[in-house]
Every structure is written in structure tokens, then in C-alpha cells.
C-alpha atoms as a PDB file:
ATOM      1  CA  MET A   1      14.595   0.710 -24.483  1.00  0.00           C
ATOM      2  CA  GLU A   2      12.712  -0.236 -21.308  1.00  0.00           C
ATOM      3  CA  ALA A   3      11.991   2.554 -18.840  1.00  0.00           C
ATOM      4  CA  LYS A   4      13.847   2.258 -15.557  1.00  0.00           C
ATOM      5  CA  LYS A   5      11.550   1.168 -12.748  1.00  0.00           C
ATOM      6  CA  ARG A   6      11.614   3.333  -9.653  1.00  0.00           C
ATOM      7  CA  GLY A   7      11.524   2.014  -6.141  1.00  0.00           C
ATOM      8  CA  ARG A   8      13.558  -0.564  -4.279  1.00  0.00           C
ATOM      9  CA  PRO A   9      12.256  -4.151  -4.418  1.00  0.00           C
ATOM     10  CA  VAL A  10      11.513  -5.614  -1.011  1.00  0.00           C
ATOM     11  CA  SER A  11      10.241  -9.012   0.037  1.00  0.00           C
ATOM     12  CA  ASP A  12       6.827  -9.297   1.650  1.00  0.00           C
ATOM     13  CA  PRO A  13       5.841 -11.869   4.316  1.00  0.00           C
ATOM     14  CA  GLU A  14       4.512 -14.233   1.619  1.00  0.00           C
ATOM     15  CA  GLY A  15       7.899 -14.238  -0.084  1.00  0.00           C
ATOM     16  CA  LYS A  16       6.708 -12.291  -3.136  1.00  0.00           C
ATOM     17  CA  MET A  17       8.639  -9.298  -4.352  1.00  0.00           C
ATOM     18  CA  SER A  18       7.148  -5.873  -3.760  1.00  0.00           C
ATOM     19  CA  ARG A  19       8.239  -2.409  -4.765  1.00  0.00           C
ATOM     20  CA  MET A  20       8.805   0.458  -2.390  1.00  0.00           C
ATOM     21  CA  VAL A  21       6.971   3.669  -3.270  1.00  0.00           C
ATOM     22  CA  ARG A  22       6.816   7.031  -1.591  1.00  0.00           C
ATOM     23  CA  VAL A  23       3.390   8.240  -0.490  1.00  0.00           C
ATOM     24  CA  PHE A  24       2.610  11.756   0.652  1.00  0.00           C
ATOM     25  CA  VAL A  25      -0.102  11.945   3.301  1.00  0.00           C
ATOM     26  CA  THR A  26      -1.916  14.881   4.837  1.00  0.00           C
ATOM     27  CA  PRO A  27      -1.039  15.939   8.390  1.00  0.00           C
ATOM     28  CA  ARG A  28      -4.358  14.422   9.564  1.00  0.00           C
ATOM     29  CA  GLN A  29      -3.601  11.097   7.856  1.00  0.00           C
ATOM     30  CA  ASP A  30      -0.102  11.117   9.353  1.00  0.00           C
ATOM     31  CA  ARG A  31      -1.443  11.766  12.842  1.00  0.00           C
ATOM     32  CA  LEU A  32      -4.036   8.985  12.538  1.00  0.00           C
ATOM     33  CA  LEU A  33      -1.506   6.522  11.073  1.00  0.00           C
ATOM     34  CA  LYS A  34       0.788   7.148  14.034  1.00  0.00           C
ATOM     35  CA  LYS A  35      -2.157   6.539  16.380  1.00  0.00           C
ATOM     36  CA  LEU A  36      -2.970   3.254  14.618  1.00  0.00           C
ATOM     37  CA  LYS A  37       0.672   2.200  14.763  1.00  0.00           C
ATOM     38  CA  LYS A  38       0.773   2.812  18.504  1.00  0.00           C
ATOM     39  CA  GLU A  39      -2.596   1.187  19.262  1.00  0.00           C
ATOM     40  CA  TYR A  40      -2.206  -1.894  17.051  1.00  0.00           C
ATOM     41  CA  GLY A  41       1.575  -2.325  17.005  1.00  0.00           C
ATOM     42  CA  MET A  42       1.528  -2.580  13.231  1.00  0.00           C
ATOM     43  CA  ALA A  43       3.722  -0.577  10.858  1.00  0.00           C
ATOM     44  CA  GLU A  44       2.197   2.467   9.181  1.00  0.00           C
ATOM     45  CA  ALA A  45       3.075   0.910   5.832  1.00  0.00           C
ATOM     46  CA  GLU A  46       0.985  -2.169   6.672  1.00  0.00           C
ATOM     47  CA  HIS A  47      -2.030   0.004   7.422  1.00  0.00           C
ATOM     48  CA  ILE A  48      -1.531   1.768   4.073  1.00  0.00           C
ATOM     49  CA  ARG A  49      -1.181  -1.576   2.226  1.00  0.00           C
ATOM     50  CA  ARG A  50      -4.389  -2.868   3.803  1.00  0.00           C
ATOM     51  CA  ALA A  51      -6.269   0.328   2.945  1.00  0.00           C
ATOM     52  CA  LEU A  52      -5.022   0.127  -0.646  1.00  0.00           C
ATOM     53  CA  ASP A  53      -6.050  -3.544  -0.906  1.00  0.00           C
ATOM     54  CA  ASN A  54      -9.485  -2.603   0.432  1.00  0.00           C
ATOM     55  CA  TYR A  55      -9.847   0.216  -2.104  1.00  0.00           C
ATOM     56  CA  LEU A  56      -8.685  -1.939  -5.030  1.00  0.00           C
ATOM     57  CA  HIS A  57     -11.048  -4.744  -4.025  1.00  0.00           C
ATOM     58  CA  LYS A  58     -13.953  -2.269  -3.921  1.00  0.00           C
ATOM     59  CA  MET A  59     -13.057  -0.898  -7.368  1.00  0.00           C
ATOM     60  CA  MET A  60     -12.857  -4.418  -8.824  1.00  0.00           C
ATOM     61  CA  ARG A  61     -16.165  -5.442  -7.212  1.00  0.00           C
ATOM     62  CA  SER A  62     -17.900  -2.415  -8.734  1.00  0.00           C
ATOM     63  CA  GLY A  63     -16.451  -3.220 -12.166  1.00  0.00           C
ATOM     64  CA  ASP A  64     -14.398  -0.023 -12.364  1.00  0.00           C
ATOM     65  CA  LEU A  65     -11.135  -1.985 -12.327  1.00  0.00           C
ATOM     66  CA  ARG A  66     -10.106  -5.350 -13.755  1.00  0.00           C
ATOM     67  CA  GLU A  67      -7.068  -7.370 -12.814  1.00  0.00           C
ATOM     68  CA  ASP A  68      -5.599  -8.484 -16.129  1.00  0.00           C
ATOM     69  CA  GLU A  69      -2.865 -11.047 -15.715  1.00  0.00           C
END
């Protein structure tokens, strides 16, 4: 029996399906995300996605992570 996936699927700007997850941030991170949102007019979630992409790219470049398809 397959485990039930959590999160609500949402469509991203490229038309691919994504999954919504809940992320807990520190008060400092929350404050800075709100500042970024105000200054750049971009959703907090987009800043988090970009930071995650950056982190994953760094891990793959260093060889600590592989993207197996």
C-alpha cells in the first residue's frame, strides 16, 4: 500500500506540478523574509524556493547530492 503524500499540489509558473509544504522559520528569518517581500515585491515563498534551489545546486556541485531521475 502506497503511503499517502502530504501537501496540496499546486502549479508553478512553468506549468509543472509542485507540492505545498509547511516550513517553520526563526523569528529573524521571518522578519528578513517580510523585508525582502516588501523591497522586491516577490512572495516569501519565492524567496524560499530560490534559496532552496541555490542550496541544492551547491550540494550537487560539491558531489554531496546527486539528482537521480
